[in-house]
Protein backbone atom coordinates (compact mmCIF):
# COMPACT_ATOMS: atom_id res chain seq x y z
CA UNK A 1 -5.76 4.02 -19.44
CA UNK A 2 -7.86 3.89 -16.44
CA UNK A 3 -8.00 7.06 -14.11
CA UNK A 4 -5.20 6.69 -11.45
CA UNK A 5 -7.54 5.91 -8.60
CA UNK A 6 -9.07 3.09 -10.29
CA UNK A 7 -5.64 1.56 -10.36
CA UNK A 8 -4.52 2.24 -6.90
CA UNK A 9 -4.96 -0.01 -3.87
CA UNK A 10 -4.40 0.80 -0.42
CA UNK A 11 -2.07 -1.45 1.57
CA UNK A 12 -2.32 -1.66 5.66
CA UNK A 13 -0.25 -3.50 7.77
CA UNK A 14 3.32 -2.34 6.46
CA UNK A 15 5.85 -2.78 9.28
CA UNK A 16 6.49 0.68 10.33
CA UNK A 17 10.13 2.04 11.59
CA UNK A 18 11.95 -1.47 10.99
CA UNK A 19 13.80 -0.25 7.41
CA UNK A 20 14.46 2.84 5.75
CA UNK A 21 11.47 4.13 4.00
CA UNK A 22 12.95 3.74 0.52
CA UNK A 23 13.80 0.00 1.40
CA UNK A 24 10.35 -0.83 2.30
CA UNK A 25 9.11 1.09 -1.07
CA UNK A 26 11.14 -1.39 -2.99
CA UNK A 27 9.86 -4.34 -0.92
CA UNK A 28 6.46 -3.45 -1.56
CA UNK A 29 7.08 -2.79 -5.40
CA UNK A 30 8.64 -6.30 -5.70
CA UNK A 31 5.70 -7.84 -3.78
CA UNK A 32 2.97 -6.53 -6.01
CA UNK A 33 5.01 -6.89 -9.23
CA UNK A 34 5.39 -10.89 -8.61
CA UNK A 35 2.98 -13.19 -10.50
CA UNK A 36 2.51 -15.48 -7.40
CA UNK A 37 0.95 -12.47 -5.89
CA UNK A 38 -1.29 -11.97 -8.88
CA UNK A 39 0.56 -8.55 -9.23
CA UNK A 40 1.80 -6.82 -12.34
CA UNK A 41 3.48 -3.79 -13.48
CA UNK A 42 3.68 -1.08 -10.73
CA UNK A 43 3.53 2.52 -11.67
CA UNK A 44 4.21 3.94 -8.25
CA UNK A 45 4.50 3.05 -4.54
CA UNK A 46 3.71 5.86 -2.16
CA UNK A 47 5.34 5.18 1.19
CA UNK A 48 5.15 6.42 3.70
CA UNK A 49 1.88 8.18 3.90
CA UNK A 50 0.29 10.42 6.59
CA UNK A 51 -0.99 7.32 8.20
CA UNK A 52 1.61 5.34 9.65
CA UNK A 53 1.86 1.64 8.24
CA UNK A 54 -0.28 2.39 5.07
CA UNK A 55 1.18 2.59 1.53
CA UNK A 56 -0.37 3.36 -1.96
CA UNK A 57 0.46 1.15 -4.92
CA UNK A 58 -0.59 2.17 -8.32
CA UNK A 59 -0.49 -0.35 -11.12
CA UNK A 60 -0.11 0.31 -15.03
CA UNK A 61 -3.47 -1.64 -15.48
CA UNK A 62 -6.84 -1.75 -13.86
CA UNK A 63 -7.00 -5.41 -14.48
CA UNK A 64 -4.16 -6.05 -11.92
CA UNK A 65 -5.90 -4.20 -9.37
CA UNK A 66 -8.81 -6.67 -9.41
CA UNK A 67 -6.26 -9.87 -9.55
CA UNK A 68 -4.56 -8.27 -6.37
CA UNK A 69 -7.83 -7.93 -4.38
CA UNK A 70 -8.65 -11.57 -5.16
CA UNK A 71 -5.71 -12.98 -3.55
CA UNK A 72 -6.58 -14.39 -0.20
CA UNK A 73 -3.73 -13.54 1.91
CA UNK A 74 -0.85 -11.04 0.97
CA UNK A 75 2.06 -11.86 3.11
CA UNK A 76 5.02 -9.40 3.09
CA UNK A 77 8.15 -11.56 2.75
CA UNK A 78 11.75 -10.54 2.23
CA UNK A 79 15.20 -11.59 3.64
CA UNK A 80 15.65 -7.99 5.39
CA UNK A 81 12.62 -8.65 7.38
CA UNK A 82 12.75 -10.97 10.48
CA UNK A 83 9.41 -12.44 9.59
CA UNK A 84 6.64 -12.04 6.99
CA UNK A 85 3.85 -9.64 7.68
CA UNK A 86 0.21 -10.03 6.49
CA UNK A 87 -1.03 -7.20 4.46
CA UNK A 88 -4.48 -6.04 3.87
CA UNK A 89 -5.24 -4.87 0.40
CA UNK A 90 -8.36 -2.71 -0.41
CA UNK A 91 -9.51 -0.59 -3.27
CA UNK A 92 -8.85 2.97 -3.03
CA UNK A 93 -11.56 5.22 -3.01
CA UNK A 94 -11.33 9.06 -3.56
CA UNK A 95 -14.54 9.65 -1.73
CA UNK A 96 -13.29 8.50 1.63
CA UNK A 97 -11.56 11.35 3.52
CA UNK A 98 -8.70 11.04 5.75
CA UNK A 99 -9.58 11.32 9.33
CA UNK A 100 -8.55 15.03 10.28
CA UNK A 101 -7.79 15.88 13.95
CA UNK A 102 -8.13 19.43 14.74
CA UNK A 103 -6.72 20.79 18.13
CA UNK A 104 -8.38 23.99 19.21
CA UNK A 105 -6.35 25.86 22.14
CA UNK A 106 -8.58 28.48 24.04
CA UNK A 107 -6.95 31.10 26.14
CA UNK A 108 -7.39 30.56 29.97
């Protein structure tokens, strides 16, 4: 079994604040399990994460990652959403660190 990072994709464009987080997690899981979306067995969906509108989807097989990345357009559609939302799917990379914002307060 490939390392977890090799079986994970980053999803951006997830509609934020429209539904409860657990409902959005379910919608994402269903989307990425569907064959019409080039999906497959999902091991885990991490949503929400530190960055708004972003989710991490880990598949059971690395081949599914390649298949999902090849799909031209991912459209998140569900009867609980008022419209479809285009998603951007990219390969997860451990070498890319998240932005860290540091606020230093100096005494006057």
